[in-house]
Amino acid sequence: MPWLAASGPLSYSPENPPPSDYYFKYDWVLPGIFTPGTTRRRHFYFGSLFKEDARELFSFWRTARESGAVSVACQFGGVGADARITAPVAIYSALDAGDRPCYLFMQHGSYQLVPIDDQPLLRAGEVVLYRGIQRSSVFRFLQVGQGSLDAKRSRVWQSYVRTQSRILSDSVLSFNAVHDRAMRCETNHIRDGSRISDEIARDEGLDLAGDRRAAALWRAGHQSFSLARWVGERKFGPHFVTGKTPIGNIRLTTFFAGEHEVRIVDPDLVEFVDARGCQVKRPDPFAPSESRAGIRRKR
């Protein structure tokens, strides 16, 4: 599947697009993302239930065939020497159904179309994140402080890195893992409730049931943010927070899942820049808990 390759050169890209829409039929080229009961007697273009819902993507690829694709940013995935994880993502200029300028995000078969005004930092290499918390007064998002971890705590982080790296190493696995908690009516034809990422995490040594540090880190990796301001401000507001992170630190759910949803790979690379009606707290899951610290002091 050309633009889904996890590694190596792409067979096709917006700069070298496929000659026809054949390669957009995910029921043929990505059958592993669908639930076993999903009928294959119909075509799921870009994975969507209805071809009409993907009209903006067809329009983009038609423009690409006319040598009109305009790249905004491209990040290749990998794990660095500092144990930082980077997810692959490509971003292009596009138009929505109303011919309004947008950014089109692509990652392992997932697409999102986001208004330009909601992503003012994109050309500088960062995405803006929005998270609504309804009427809660505090938003908590952990901070690992990777550089100060001791050996035991570092092993938790290394297990997390191996988990994310393994998930990102295969296009079908990557798509399934980022949708394994979506569970919406628009996603019931894909493997949206598999919790497959939990299985991989346990296999890579994360004790999600018995280690509070591992569990807290894993929960942070599954917290949802949006690339569109209205989602955080109105749909899940009125209290909401705004943050920013490098473009290679996000995982995309695809367009028909709704809400312009992304998840974070490395929580330490998120910086919160605004909070409306609430405050942000960054707890450290690797610090001793208050109860345990109190017990040690008494002894």
Protein backbone atom coordinates (compact mmCIF):
# COMPACT_ATOMS: atom_id res chain seq x y z
CA MET A 1 0.00 0.00 0.00
CA PRO A 2 2.05 2.92 -1.30
CA TRP A 3 1.62 5.82 1.12
CA LEU A 4 1.26 3.47 4.08
CA ALA A 5 4.81 2.12 4.12
CA ALA A 6 6.25 2.07 7.63
CA SER A 7 9.82 2.00 6.31
CA GLY A 8 11.64 2.16 3.03
CA PRO A 9 10.77 4.15 -0.09
CA LEU A 10 7.15 4.77 -1.03
CA SER A 11 5.83 3.21 -4.23
CA TYR A 12 3.54 6.21 -4.63
CA SER A 13 3.19 9.59 -2.98
CA PRO A 14 1.37 12.86 -3.70
CA GLU A 15 4.45 13.86 -5.71
CA ASN A 16 4.25 10.54 -7.60
CA PRO A 17 0.55 9.59 -7.32
CA PRO A 18 -1.05 6.30 -8.38
CA PRO A 19 -2.66 6.39 -11.83
CA SER A 20 -6.17 5.54 -10.61
CA ASP A 21 -8.43 5.35 -7.55
CA TYR A 22 -7.95 1.59 -7.36
CA TYR A 23 -5.40 2.00 -4.55
CA PHE A 24 -7.89 3.84 -2.37
CA LYS A 25 -10.11 0.76 -1.97
CA TYR A 26 -9.03 -0.26 1.52
CA ASP A 27 -11.17 -3.41 1.40
CA TRP A 28 -8.71 -4.68 -1.23
CA VAL A 29 -5.41 -3.18 -0.14
CA LEU A 30 -5.90 -2.98 3.66
CA PRO A 31 -8.33 -5.79 4.52
CA GLY A 32 -6.72 -6.27 7.94
CA ILE A 33 -8.27 -3.08 9.34
CA PHE A 34 -11.87 -4.35 9.05
CA THR A 35 -13.88 -6.41 11.51
CA PRO A 36 -14.41 -10.05 10.46
CA GLY A 37 -18.13 -9.48 9.88
CA THR A 38 -17.66 -6.55 7.50
CA THR A 39 -18.89 -7.44 4.02
CA ARG A 40 -16.33 -7.07 1.23
CA ARG A 41 -18.96 -6.91 -1.51
CA ARG A 42 -18.76 -3.14 -1.29
CA HIS A 43 -15.76 -0.87 -1.57
CA PHE A 44 -14.53 1.15 1.40
CA TYR A 45 -12.65 4.03 -0.16
CA PHE A 46 -10.04 5.30 2.30
CA GLY A 47 -11.76 2.98 4.79
CA SER A 48 -14.95 5.03 4.83
CA LEU A 49 -18.41 3.50 4.85
CA PHE A 50 -19.57 5.92 2.15
CA LYS A 51 -17.58 7.06 -0.86
CA GLU A 52 -19.18 10.50 -0.71
CA ASP A 53 -17.64 11.10 2.72
CA ALA A 54 -14.19 10.92 1.12
CA ARG A 55 -14.86 13.41 -1.67
CA GLU A 56 -12.27 15.88 -0.37
CA LEU A 57 -9.60 13.17 -0.45
CA PHE A 58 -10.47 12.21 -4.01
CA SER A 59 -10.21 15.90 -4.91
CA PHE A 60 -6.77 16.14 -3.33
CA TRP A 61 -5.44 13.11 -5.22
CA ARG A 62 -6.87 14.40 -8.51
CA THR A 63 -4.94 17.60 -7.90
CA ALA A 64 -1.85 15.54 -7.11
CA ARG A 65 -2.13 13.75 -10.47
CA GLU A 66 -2.03 17.17 -12.10
CA SER A 67 1.25 17.90 -10.26
CA GLY A 68 -0.57 20.25 -7.92
CA ALA A 69 0.26 18.72 -4.50
CA VAL A 70 1.86 21.30 -2.19
CA SER A 71 3.86 19.82 0.67
CA VAL A 72 3.81 21.67 3.98
CA ALA A 73 5.73 19.25 6.23
CA CYS A 74 7.02 15.70 6.28
CA GLN A 75 8.40 13.76 9.23
CA PHE A 76 9.87 10.27 9.03
CA GLY A 77 9.37 8.00 12.00
CA GLY A 78 11.95 6.29 14.15
CA VAL A 79 13.58 5.98 17.57
CA GLY A 80 16.53 8.24 18.29
CA ALA A 81 19.63 7.59 20.36
CA ASP A 82 17.96 9.52 23.21
CA ALA A 83 15.06 7.02 23.21
CA ARG A 84 12.67 9.60 21.79
CA ILE A 85 10.03 8.24 19.44
CA THR A 86 8.97 9.99 16.25
CA ALA A 87 5.89 9.02 14.27
CA PRO A 88 5.78 9.40 10.48
CA VAL A 89 3.41 12.05 9.16
CA ALA A 90 3.01 14.00 5.93
CA ILE A 91 1.05 17.25 5.62
CA TYR A 92 -0.16 18.99 2.45
CA SER A 93 -2.18 22.03 1.49
CA ALA A 94 -5.73 21.17 0.45
CA LEU A 95 -9.27 22.51 0.15
CA ASP A 96 -12.35 21.35 2.02
CA ALA A 97 -15.78 20.83 0.48
CA GLY A 98 -16.42 24.58 0.66
CA ASP A 99 -13.11 25.38 -1.09
CA ARG A 100 -11.67 26.74 2.13
CA PRO A 101 -7.92 26.31 2.68
CA CYS A 102 -6.97 23.42 4.96
CA TYR A 103 -4.10 21.17 5.87
CA LEU A 104 -4.36 17.51 4.95
CA PHE A 105 -2.60 15.17 7.41
CA MET A 106 -1.61 11.63 6.34
CA GLN A 107 -0.31 8.77 8.47
CA HIS A 108 -0.47 5.03 7.83
CA GLY A 109 -3.79 5.14 6.00
CA SER A 110 -5.39 7.80 8.21
CA TYR A 111 -6.30 11.21 6.83
CA GLN A 112 -7.45 14.39 8.53
CA LEU A 113 -8.44 17.71 6.99
CA VAL A 114 -7.94 20.62 9.40
CA PRO A 115 -8.65 24.36 8.94
CA ILE A 116 -5.47 26.38 8.46
CA ASP A 117 -6.52 28.93 11.09
CA ASP A 118 -6.50 26.20 13.78
CA GLN A 119 -2.87 25.27 13.03
CA PRO A 120 -0.87 28.53 12.95
CA LEU A 121 2.42 26.84 13.98
CA LEU A 122 2.47 24.09 11.39
CA ARG A 123 5.02 25.63 9.05
CA ALA A 124 7.34 25.98 12.04
CA GLY A 125 7.13 22.23 12.65
CA GLU A 126 4.55 22.13 15.45
CA VAL A 127 0.87 21.27 15.75
CA VAL A 128 -1.57 22.99 18.09
CA LEU A 129 -3.59 20.66 20.33
CA TYR A 130 -7.02 21.36 21.81
CA ARG A 131 -8.61 19.47 24.68
CA GLY A 132 -12.01 20.27 26.17
CA ILE A 133 -12.68 19.22 29.78
CA GLN A 134 -16.30 20.44 30.07
CA ARG A 135 -16.56 22.23 33.47
CA SER A 136 -13.65 20.61 35.28
CA SER A 137 -11.31 23.05 36.99
CA VAL A 138 -8.09 21.07 36.47
CA PHE A 139 -6.61 19.23 33.51
CA ARG A 140 -3.92 16.70 34.43
CA PHE A 141 -1.39 15.44 31.92
CA LEU A 142 1.67 13.65 33.17
CA GLN A 143 5.28 14.62 32.63
CA VAL A 144 7.79 11.79 32.73
CA GLY A 145 11.04 13.74 33.08
CA GLN A 146 12.87 11.05 31.15
CA GLY A 147 16.32 12.52 31.69
CA SER A 148 16.14 12.00 35.47
CA LEU A 149 14.89 8.40 35.58
CA ASP A 150 16.72 5.77 37.58
CA ALA A 151 17.38 2.30 36.18
CA LYS A 152 14.09 0.74 37.30
CA ARG A 153 11.96 3.59 36.05
CA SER A 154 13.97 3.79 32.85
CA ARG A 155 12.98 0.20 32.11
CA VAL A 156 9.33 1.27 32.14
CA TRP A 157 10.10 3.99 29.63
CA GLN A 158 12.12 1.62 27.43
CA SER A 159 9.19 -0.81 27.39
CA TYR A 160 6.94 2.03 26.35
CA VAL A 161 9.36 3.00 23.56
CA ARG A 162 9.51 -0.58 22.29
CA THR A 163 5.71 -0.73 22.31
CA GLN A 164 5.30 2.44 20.29
CA SER A 165 8.08 1.46 17.91
CA ARG A 166 6.50 -1.94 17.28
CA ILE A 167 3.09 -0.38 16.67
CA LEU A 168 4.55 2.08 14.17
CA SER A 169 6.53 -0.60 12.34
CA ASP A 170 3.54 -1.99 10.42
CA SER A 171 0.86 0.01 8.63
CA VAL A 172 -2.08 -2.26 9.43
CA LEU A 173 -1.02 -2.66 13.06
CA SER A 174 -0.52 1.10 13.36
CA PHE A 175 -3.98 1.83 11.96
CA ASN A 176 -5.65 -0.75 14.20
CA ALA A 177 -3.78 0.35 17.32
CA VAL A 178 -4.69 4.03 17.06
CA HIS A 179 -8.37 3.11 16.53
CA ASP A 180 -8.58 0.40 19.17
CA ARG A 181 -10.56 2.65 21.53
CA ALA A 182 -12.56 4.74 19.04
CA MET A 183 -15.86 2.81 19.43
CA ARG A 184 -18.21 5.09 17.51
CA CYS A 185 -21.04 4.28 15.13
CA GLU A 186 -18.91 5.64 12.27
CA THR A 187 -16.12 3.16 13.10
CA ASN A 188 -17.98 -0.08 13.77
CA HIS A 189 -16.83 -1.57 10.46
CA ILE A 190 -13.15 -1.36 11.48
CA ARG A 191 -11.38 -3.00 14.40
CA ASP A 192 -12.27 -0.15 16.73
CA GLY A 193 -12.62 -2.01 20.03
CA SER A 194 -9.78 -4.50 19.87
CA ARG A 195 -7.52 -2.96 22.55
CA ILE A 196 -4.70 -4.51 20.54
CA SER A 197 -2.24 -1.90 21.78
CA ASP A 198 -2.71 -3.20 25.36
CA GLU A 199 -1.66 -6.66 24.23
CA ILE A 200 1.47 -5.29 22.58
CA ALA A 201 2.31 -3.19 25.64
CA ARG A 202 2.12 -6.20 27.96
CA ASP A 203 4.14 -8.25 25.50
CA GLU A 204 6.86 -5.57 25.57
CA GLY A 205 7.05 -5.60 29.38
CA LEU A 206 4.61 -2.89 30.51
CA ASP A 207 2.78 -4.07 33.62
CA LEU A 208 -0.48 -2.21 33.10
CA ALA A 209 -2.24 -3.86 36.03
CA GLY A 210 0.45 -3.91 38.72
CA ASP A 211 2.70 -0.90 38.04
CA ARG A 212 1.10 2.50 38.59
CA ARG A 213 3.89 4.22 36.66
CA ALA A 214 3.41 2.07 33.59
CA ALA A 215 -0.37 2.43 33.82
CA ALA A 216 -0.18 6.24 34.12
CA LEU A 217 2.20 6.50 31.17
CA TRP A 218 -0.05 4.27 29.08
CA ARG A 219 -3.15 6.31 29.96
CA ALA A 220 -1.38 9.48 28.85
CA GLY A 221 -0.60 7.89 25.51
CA HIS A 222 -4.30 7.22 24.98
CA GLN A 223 -5.63 10.63 25.96
CA SER A 224 -7.34 12.34 23.05
CA PHE A 225 -6.65 15.81 21.72
CA SER A 226 -8.08 17.55 18.69
CA LEU A 227 -6.42 19.45 15.86
CA ALA A 228 -9.54 21.62 15.48
CA ARG A 229 -10.29 24.35 18.01
CA TRP A 230 -14.11 24.02 17.85
CA VAL A 231 -13.94 20.44 19.12
CA GLY A 232 -12.19 21.41 22.36
CA GLU A 233 -13.91 24.75 22.80
CA ARG A 234 -17.52 23.90 21.92
CA LYS A 235 -18.07 20.17 21.70
CA PHE A 236 -16.16 19.29 24.89
CA GLY A 237 -15.94 22.77 26.44
CA PRO A 238 -16.50 25.36 27.72
CA HIS A 239 -13.30 24.77 29.71
CA PHE A 240 -10.45 23.77 27.44
CA VAL A 241 -6.68 23.79 27.18
CA THR A 242 -4.38 24.53 24.28
CA GLY A 243 -0.98 22.96 23.79
CA LYS A 244 1.63 22.44 21.12
CA THR A 245 3.94 19.59 20.16
CA PRO A 246 6.24 18.62 17.25
CA ILE A 247 4.43 17.26 14.21
CA GLY A 248 6.14 13.88 14.66
CA ASN A 249 4.62 13.42 18.13
CA ILE A 250 1.02 12.74 17.09
CA ARG A 251 -0.99 9.66 16.04
CA LEU A 252 -3.99 10.32 13.80
CA THR A 253 -7.37 8.69 13.94
CA THR A 254 -8.83 8.86 10.45
CA PHE A 255 -11.35 11.37 9.14
CA PHE A 256 -14.53 9.28 9.48
CA ALA A 257 -13.84 8.71 13.19
CA GLY A 258 -14.66 12.40 13.69
CA GLU A 259 -13.43 15.08 16.09
CA HIS A 260 -10.07 15.58 14.32
CA GLU A 261 -8.68 13.31 17.03
CA VAL A 262 -5.00 12.70 17.71
CA ARG A 263 -3.07 10.95 20.45
CA ILE A 264 0.37 11.79 21.79
CA VAL A 265 3.44 9.58 21.52
CA ASP A 266 5.77 11.30 24.03
CA PRO A 267 3.95 13.29 26.76
CA ASP A 268 7.10 15.24 27.66
CA LEU A 269 7.07 16.89 24.24
CA VAL A 270 3.70 18.58 24.88
CA GLU A 271 3.80 22.18 26.07
CA PHE A 272 0.57 23.80 27.26
CA VAL A 273 0.26 27.45 26.30
CA ASP A 274 -3.29 28.39 27.32
CA ALA A 275 -6.07 27.26 29.65
CA ARG A 276 -9.62 28.63 29.58
CA GLY A 277 -11.61 28.28 32.79
CA CYS A 278 -9.16 25.75 34.27
CA GLN A 279 -5.54 25.11 35.14
CA VAL A 280 -3.05 22.53 33.91
CA LYS A 281 -1.17 20.24 36.28
CA ARG A 282 1.66 17.96 35.16
CA PRO A 283 1.97 15.11 37.71
CA ASP A 284 5.07 12.90 37.67
CA PRO A 285 4.03 9.22 37.84
CA PHE A 286 7.58 8.22 38.68
CA ALA A 287 7.68 10.31 41.85
CA PRO A 288 6.89 8.53 45.15
CA SER A 289 3.21 8.71 46.02
CA GLU A 290 2.26 10.85 49.03
CA SER A 291 0.99 7.85 50.98
CA ARG A 292 4.16 5.86 50.42
CA ALA A 293 6.33 8.85 51.24
CA GLY A 294 4.41 9.34 54.48
CA ILE A 295 4.93 5.72 55.45
CA ARG A 296 8.66 6.00 54.88
CA ARG A 297 8.83 9.19 56.99
CA LYS A 298 6.99 7.51 59.88
CA ARG A 299 9.37 4.57 59.80
